[in-house]
Structure formats: structure tokens, C-alpha cells
N, C-alpha and C. Protein backbone atom coordinates (compact mmCIF):
# COMPACT_ATOMS: atom_id res chain seq x y z
N MET A 1 86.29 100.60 103.06
CA MET A 1 85.67 100.42 104.35
C MET A 1 85.53 101.80 105.01
N LEU A 2 84.42 102.03 105.64
CA LEU A 2 84.17 103.26 106.39
C LEU A 2 84.52 103.02 107.85
N ARG A 3 85.19 104.00 108.45
CA ARG A 3 85.55 103.92 109.86
C ARG A 3 85.32 105.28 110.51
N PHE A 4 85.08 105.25 111.82
CA PHE A 4 84.96 106.48 112.61
C PHE A 4 86.06 106.45 113.68
N GLY A 5 86.93 107.44 113.66
CA GLY A 5 88.04 107.45 114.61
C GLY A 5 88.94 106.24 114.49
N GLY A 6 89.01 105.64 113.30
CA GLY A 6 89.86 104.48 113.06
C GLY A 6 89.21 103.14 113.36
N ASN A 7 87.95 103.14 113.82
CA ASN A 7 87.28 101.89 114.19
C ASN A 7 85.94 101.77 113.48
N ASN A 8 85.37 100.58 113.51
CA ASN A 8 84.02 100.38 112.99
C ASN A 8 83.27 99.35 113.84
N VAL A 9 83.31 99.55 115.17
CA VAL A 9 82.68 98.63 116.11
C VAL A 9 81.17 98.62 115.90
N GLY A 10 80.63 97.45 115.60
CA GLY A 10 79.19 97.28 115.43
C GLY A 10 78.63 97.81 114.12
N MET A 11 79.48 98.33 113.23
CA MET A 11 79.00 98.85 111.96
C MET A 11 78.68 97.68 111.02
N THR A 12 77.52 97.76 110.39
CA THR A 12 77.16 96.75 109.41
C THR A 12 76.63 97.44 108.15
N GLY A 13 76.72 96.73 107.07
CA GLY A 13 76.23 97.27 105.80
C GLY A 13 76.90 96.57 104.64
N THR A 14 76.72 97.17 103.48
CA THR A 14 77.30 96.65 102.25
C THR A 14 78.37 97.61 101.77
N PHE A 15 79.55 97.08 101.48
CA PHE A 15 80.67 97.87 101.03
C PHE A 15 81.17 97.26 99.72
N VAL A 16 80.98 97.99 98.61
CA VAL A 16 81.35 97.48 97.30
C VAL A 16 82.21 98.53 96.61
N GLY A 17 83.31 98.11 96.02
CA GLY A 17 84.15 99.05 95.31
C GLY A 17 84.85 98.40 94.12
N TYR A 18 85.06 99.21 93.12
CA TYR A 18 85.76 98.77 91.91
C TYR A 18 86.73 99.85 91.51
N TYR A 19 87.83 99.45 90.90
CA TYR A 19 88.75 100.44 90.36
C TYR A 19 89.41 99.89 89.12
N SER A 20 89.91 100.80 88.31
CA SER A 20 90.73 100.42 87.16
C SER A 20 91.88 101.41 87.08
N GLN A 21 92.97 100.95 86.51
CA GLN A 21 94.14 101.82 86.35
C GLN A 21 94.67 101.65 84.94
N ILE A 22 94.76 102.77 84.25
CA ILE A 22 95.37 102.81 82.92
C ILE A 22 96.50 103.81 83.01
N GLY A 23 97.73 103.31 82.91
CA GLY A 23 98.88 104.18 83.15
C GLY A 23 98.83 104.67 84.59
N LYS A 24 98.89 105.97 84.79
CA LYS A 24 98.82 106.53 86.14
C LYS A 24 97.42 107.03 86.52
N VAL A 25 96.46 106.87 85.62
CA VAL A 25 95.10 107.33 85.90
C VAL A 25 94.30 106.20 86.55
N VAL A 26 93.84 106.45 87.78
CA VAL A 26 93.05 105.48 88.53
C VAL A 26 91.62 105.99 88.59
N THR A 27 90.68 105.13 88.22
CA THR A 27 89.27 105.46 88.32
C THR A 27 88.67 104.56 89.38
N ILE A 28 87.92 105.17 90.29
CA ILE A 28 87.40 104.44 91.43
C ILE A 28 85.89 104.65 91.54
N ASN A 29 85.16 103.61 91.92
CA ASN A 29 83.73 103.68 92.18
C ASN A 29 83.45 102.86 93.43
N MET A 30 82.81 103.47 94.42
CA MET A 30 82.49 102.77 95.66
C MET A 30 81.07 103.11 96.08
N ILE A 31 80.41 102.14 96.68
CA ILE A 31 79.12 102.36 97.33
C ILE A 31 79.24 101.77 98.73
N ILE A 32 78.92 102.59 99.71
CA ILE A 32 78.89 102.15 101.11
C ILE A 32 77.47 102.38 101.59
N SER A 33 76.75 101.29 101.89
CA SER A 33 75.37 101.38 102.36
C SER A 33 75.31 100.83 103.77
N LEU A 34 75.06 101.70 104.73
CA LEU A 34 75.01 101.29 106.13
C LEU A 34 73.64 100.76 106.50
N SER A 35 73.63 99.73 107.33
CA SER A 35 72.40 99.29 107.97
C SER A 35 72.46 99.58 109.47
N ALA A 36 73.68 99.78 110.01
CA ALA A 36 73.88 100.20 111.40
C ALA A 36 75.22 100.93 111.49
N VAL A 37 75.23 102.12 112.08
CA VAL A 37 76.48 102.89 112.17
C VAL A 37 77.39 102.38 113.27
N GLY A 38 76.86 101.62 114.22
CA GLY A 38 77.69 101.09 115.29
C GLY A 38 77.99 102.12 116.36
N SER A 39 78.98 101.83 117.20
CA SER A 39 79.26 102.68 118.36
C SER A 39 80.56 103.46 118.26
N SER A 40 81.31 103.32 117.19
CA SER A 40 82.57 104.06 117.05
C SER A 40 82.29 105.54 116.84
N THR A 41 83.20 106.37 117.34
CA THR A 41 83.06 107.82 117.22
C THR A 41 84.34 108.40 116.64
N GLY A 42 84.23 109.61 116.11
CA GLY A 42 85.40 110.30 115.58
C GLY A 42 85.22 110.66 114.12
N GLN A 43 86.30 111.16 113.53
CA GLN A 43 86.25 111.58 112.14
C GLN A 43 86.06 110.38 111.22
N ALA A 44 85.24 110.57 110.19
CA ALA A 44 84.97 109.52 109.22
C ALA A 44 86.16 109.38 108.27
N THR A 45 86.55 108.14 108.01
CA THR A 45 87.61 107.84 107.07
C THR A 45 87.18 106.70 106.16
N ILE A 46 87.74 106.70 104.97
CA ILE A 46 87.58 105.61 104.03
C ILE A 46 88.94 104.92 103.94
N THR A 47 88.97 103.61 104.19
CA THR A 47 90.21 102.86 104.10
C THR A 47 90.14 101.88 102.93
N GLY A 48 91.29 101.39 102.53
CA GLY A 48 91.33 100.36 101.50
C GLY A 48 91.35 100.87 100.08
N ILE A 49 91.63 102.16 99.89
CA ILE A 49 91.76 102.66 98.52
C ILE A 49 93.00 101.98 97.94
N PRO A 50 92.88 101.27 96.82
CA PRO A 50 93.90 100.31 96.40
C PRO A 50 95.19 100.87 95.82
N VAL A 51 95.17 102.08 95.29
CA VAL A 51 96.35 102.62 94.63
C VAL A 51 96.67 103.98 95.25
N ALA A 52 97.89 104.12 95.78
CA ALA A 52 98.29 105.38 96.41
C ALA A 52 98.34 106.50 95.38
N PRO A 53 97.87 107.70 95.75
CA PRO A 53 97.91 108.82 94.82
C PRO A 53 99.29 109.43 94.71
N GLY A 54 99.51 110.17 93.64
CA GLY A 54 100.75 110.92 93.48
C GLY A 54 100.78 112.08 94.46
N THR A 55 101.94 112.68 94.60
CA THR A 55 102.08 113.80 95.52
C THR A 55 102.24 115.10 94.74
N GLY A 56 102.06 116.20 95.45
CA GLY A 56 102.27 117.50 94.85
C GLY A 56 101.03 118.15 94.29
N ILE A 57 99.98 117.37 94.04
CA ILE A 57 98.72 117.92 93.55
C ILE A 57 97.62 117.43 94.47
N PRO A 58 96.84 118.34 95.10
CA PRO A 58 95.73 117.86 95.92
C PRO A 58 94.71 117.15 95.04
N GLN A 59 94.42 115.93 95.36
CA GLN A 59 93.49 115.14 94.55
C GLN A 59 92.28 114.79 95.41
N THR A 60 91.09 115.04 94.89
CA THR A 60 89.87 114.81 95.65
C THR A 60 88.88 113.99 94.85
N LEU A 61 88.01 113.33 95.56
CA LEU A 61 86.86 112.64 94.97
C LEU A 61 85.62 113.18 95.65
N VAL A 62 84.59 113.47 94.91
CA VAL A 62 83.35 114.01 95.46
C VAL A 62 82.47 112.85 95.90
N ILE A 63 81.74 113.08 96.98
CA ILE A 63 80.87 112.06 97.57
C ILE A 63 79.42 112.47 97.38
N GLY A 64 78.59 111.53 96.97
CA GLY A 64 77.15 111.72 96.98
C GLY A 64 76.56 110.87 98.08
N SER A 65 75.39 111.24 98.59
CA SER A 65 74.79 110.47 99.67
C SER A 65 73.28 110.61 99.63
N ASN A 66 72.59 109.59 100.14
CA ASN A 66 71.13 109.64 100.22
C ASN A 66 70.65 110.26 101.51
N ASN A 67 71.49 110.30 102.54
CA ASN A 67 71.03 110.72 103.86
C ASN A 67 72.25 111.20 104.65
N TYR A 68 72.39 112.49 104.80
CA TYR A 68 73.54 113.02 105.53
C TYR A 68 73.15 114.28 106.26
N THR A 69 73.95 114.65 107.25
CA THR A 69 73.63 115.83 108.04
C THR A 69 74.75 116.85 108.07
N TRP A 70 75.71 116.77 107.13
CA TRP A 70 76.69 117.83 107.08
C TRP A 70 76.02 119.08 106.50
N PRO A 71 76.64 120.23 106.62
CA PRO A 71 75.94 121.49 106.31
C PRO A 71 75.35 121.55 104.90
N ALA A 72 74.13 122.08 104.82
CA ALA A 72 73.45 122.22 103.54
C ALA A 72 74.28 123.08 102.60
N GLY A 73 74.31 122.70 101.34
CA GLY A 73 75.05 123.46 100.34
C GLY A 73 76.53 123.17 100.30
N SER A 74 77.03 122.36 101.24
CA SER A 74 78.45 122.03 101.24
C SER A 74 78.71 120.85 100.31
N ILE A 75 79.96 120.66 99.96
CA ILE A 75 80.35 119.58 99.07
C ILE A 75 81.17 118.58 99.87
N PRO A 76 80.62 117.39 100.18
CA PRO A 76 81.43 116.39 100.87
C PRO A 76 82.45 115.77 99.93
N MET A 77 83.67 115.52 100.43
CA MET A 77 84.73 114.99 99.58
C MET A 77 85.79 114.30 100.41
N ILE A 78 86.64 113.56 99.73
CA ILE A 78 87.83 112.99 100.36
C ILE A 78 89.05 113.47 99.58
N PHE A 79 90.12 113.71 100.33
CA PHE A 79 91.42 113.94 99.72
C PHE A 79 92.04 112.56 99.60
N VAL A 80 92.36 112.15 98.41
CA VAL A 80 92.72 110.76 98.14
C VAL A 80 94.03 110.36 98.82
N SER A 81 93.97 109.29 99.58
CA SER A 81 95.13 108.56 100.10
C SER A 81 94.63 107.15 100.38
N THR A 82 95.50 106.24 100.75
CA THR A 82 95.03 104.88 101.00
C THR A 82 94.11 104.82 102.22
N THR A 83 94.25 105.77 103.14
CA THR A 83 93.28 106.00 104.22
C THR A 83 92.91 107.46 104.15
N SER A 84 91.69 107.75 103.72
CA SER A 84 91.28 109.12 103.42
C SER A 84 90.25 109.63 104.41
N ASN A 85 90.53 110.79 105.01
CA ASN A 85 89.55 111.44 105.87
C ASN A 85 88.47 112.09 105.01
N LEU A 86 87.24 112.11 105.53
CA LEU A 86 86.15 112.76 104.83
C LEU A 86 86.02 114.21 105.32
N TYR A 87 85.80 115.12 104.38
CA TYR A 87 85.64 116.54 104.67
C TYR A 87 84.46 117.09 103.90
N TYR A 88 84.00 118.27 104.30
CA TYR A 88 83.07 119.03 103.49
C TYR A 88 83.68 120.40 103.26
N GLN A 89 83.38 120.98 102.12
CA GLN A 89 83.92 122.30 101.80
C GLN A 89 83.02 123.36 102.40
N ARG A 90 83.63 124.18 103.25
CA ARG A 90 82.92 125.32 103.82
C ARG A 90 82.94 126.45 102.79
N SER A 91 82.45 127.60 103.16
CA SER A 91 82.51 128.74 102.25
C SER A 91 83.96 129.07 101.94
N GLY A 92 84.22 129.49 100.73
CA GLY A 92 85.59 129.79 100.32
C GLY A 92 86.37 128.52 100.13
N SER A 93 87.59 128.50 100.64
CA SER A 93 88.45 127.34 100.42
C SER A 93 88.81 126.63 101.72
N THR A 94 87.98 126.76 102.76
CA THR A 94 88.24 126.05 104.00
C THR A 94 87.42 124.76 104.04
N PHE A 95 87.88 123.82 104.84
CA PHE A 95 87.24 122.51 104.91
C PHE A 95 86.96 122.14 106.36
N GLY A 96 85.89 121.41 106.57
CA GLY A 96 85.54 120.90 107.89
C GLY A 96 85.52 119.39 107.86
N ALA A 97 85.89 118.79 108.97
CA ALA A 97 85.90 117.33 109.07
C ALA A 97 84.47 116.81 109.19
N ILE A 98 84.22 115.63 108.64
CA ILE A 98 82.94 114.95 108.78
C ILE A 98 83.11 113.87 109.85
N TYR A 99 82.22 113.87 110.84
CA TYR A 99 82.30 112.94 111.97
C TYR A 99 81.15 111.93 111.94
N ASN A 100 81.22 110.95 112.82
CA ASN A 100 80.21 109.90 112.91
C ASN A 100 78.80 110.46 113.08
N THR A 101 78.66 111.62 113.69
CA THR A 101 77.33 112.20 113.93
C THR A 101 76.61 112.59 112.65
N ALA A 102 77.31 112.63 111.52
CA ALA A 102 76.69 112.98 110.24
C ALA A 102 76.02 111.78 109.58
N PHE A 103 76.14 110.60 110.18
CA PHE A 103 75.65 109.37 109.55
C PHE A 103 74.49 108.77 110.32
N ALA A 104 73.57 108.17 109.58
CA ALA A 104 72.43 107.46 110.17
C ALA A 104 72.53 105.99 109.78
N ASN A 105 71.68 105.16 110.38
CA ASN A 105 71.71 103.73 110.09
C ASN A 105 71.37 103.38 108.64
N ASN A 106 70.80 104.32 107.91
CA ASN A 106 70.45 104.04 106.52
C ASN A 106 71.22 104.92 105.53
N THR A 107 72.35 105.46 105.95
CA THR A 107 73.14 106.32 105.06
C THR A 107 73.85 105.48 104.01
N SER A 108 73.82 105.97 102.79
CA SER A 108 74.62 105.38 101.71
C SER A 108 75.52 106.46 101.14
N LEU A 109 76.78 106.11 100.88
CA LEU A 109 77.73 107.00 100.24
C LEU A 109 78.05 106.47 98.86
N TYR A 110 78.16 107.38 97.91
CA TYR A 110 78.51 107.04 96.54
C TYR A 110 79.77 107.83 96.20
N ILE A 111 80.88 107.15 96.00
CA ILE A 111 82.16 107.80 95.75
C ILE A 111 82.63 107.39 94.37
N SER A 112 82.94 108.38 93.55
CA SER A 112 83.33 108.07 92.19
C SER A 112 84.26 109.16 91.68
N GLY A 113 85.22 108.77 90.86
CA GLY A 113 86.10 109.75 90.25
C GLY A 113 87.41 109.14 89.83
N SER A 114 88.29 110.01 89.38
CA SER A 114 89.61 109.59 88.92
C SER A 114 90.68 110.42 89.59
N TYR A 115 91.87 109.84 89.71
CA TYR A 115 93.01 110.57 90.25
C TYR A 115 94.27 110.01 89.64
N ILE A 116 95.38 110.71 89.88
CA ILE A 116 96.68 110.31 89.33
C ILE A 116 97.45 109.53 90.39
N ALA A 117 97.92 108.34 90.04
CA ALA A 117 98.66 107.48 90.96
C ALA A 117 100.10 107.95 91.10
N ALA A 118 100.74 107.46 92.16
CA ALA A 118 102.15 107.78 92.42
C ALA A 118 103.04 107.22 91.32
């Protein structure tokens, strides 16, 4: 589920996700297709990731999108947790938060990858 500032007031769309776990390797695939972003504001988060990640190693999943307004050339991503904030990679190794203003009523996010479970 996508949320802004912890809420999703008036947000509508299709939220589909699948995962598999073999040993400690979790593979996740999600598609979030918005039809209305709603009125919530704040940092974008993904909730409901089914398996908590291990600690000690930063684990990320890269995000693809059809329509976004975060900085050109940046790489949008999440640091995996059961509630994960969305970030984009700035130049070098710094990261910026992604907020509700980066989304439109027709934005779709494609999240896919693998990580190591706790």
C-alpha cells in the first residue's frame, strides 16, 4: 500500500503484490497504479512488505514508474523494511525523500527485486 505522511485519504487505484521466499532470500514484485492521489501529504511510504529484512546490510529495491516528477537522472528506491520510505539517489551517495508532490493521478510504480530476510 502507498501512503503519504502515513495516510492515504481519498487515494484510489490498483495495488497488486507478490512475493516468494526461499530460505532467507525474499523476492518481491509490486505494481501500484493510482487513479487518484487523494489529499494526504508528506513523505511517500510503502507499507505491507510481508517479510522483515535482515539487519546490518542496507537493502534496497529499485522503483520504475510511468509518470513521476522526482529529479531527472535520479534513481528512485526504497530501503527495505515492513514500512519503507521512498527515496531518490542524489549525486554521489546522498538521498532525498520522495513526497506526495512527485505523484499524479495516473502514476504507476513498479517495484521488483530480492533481499535477505531476518
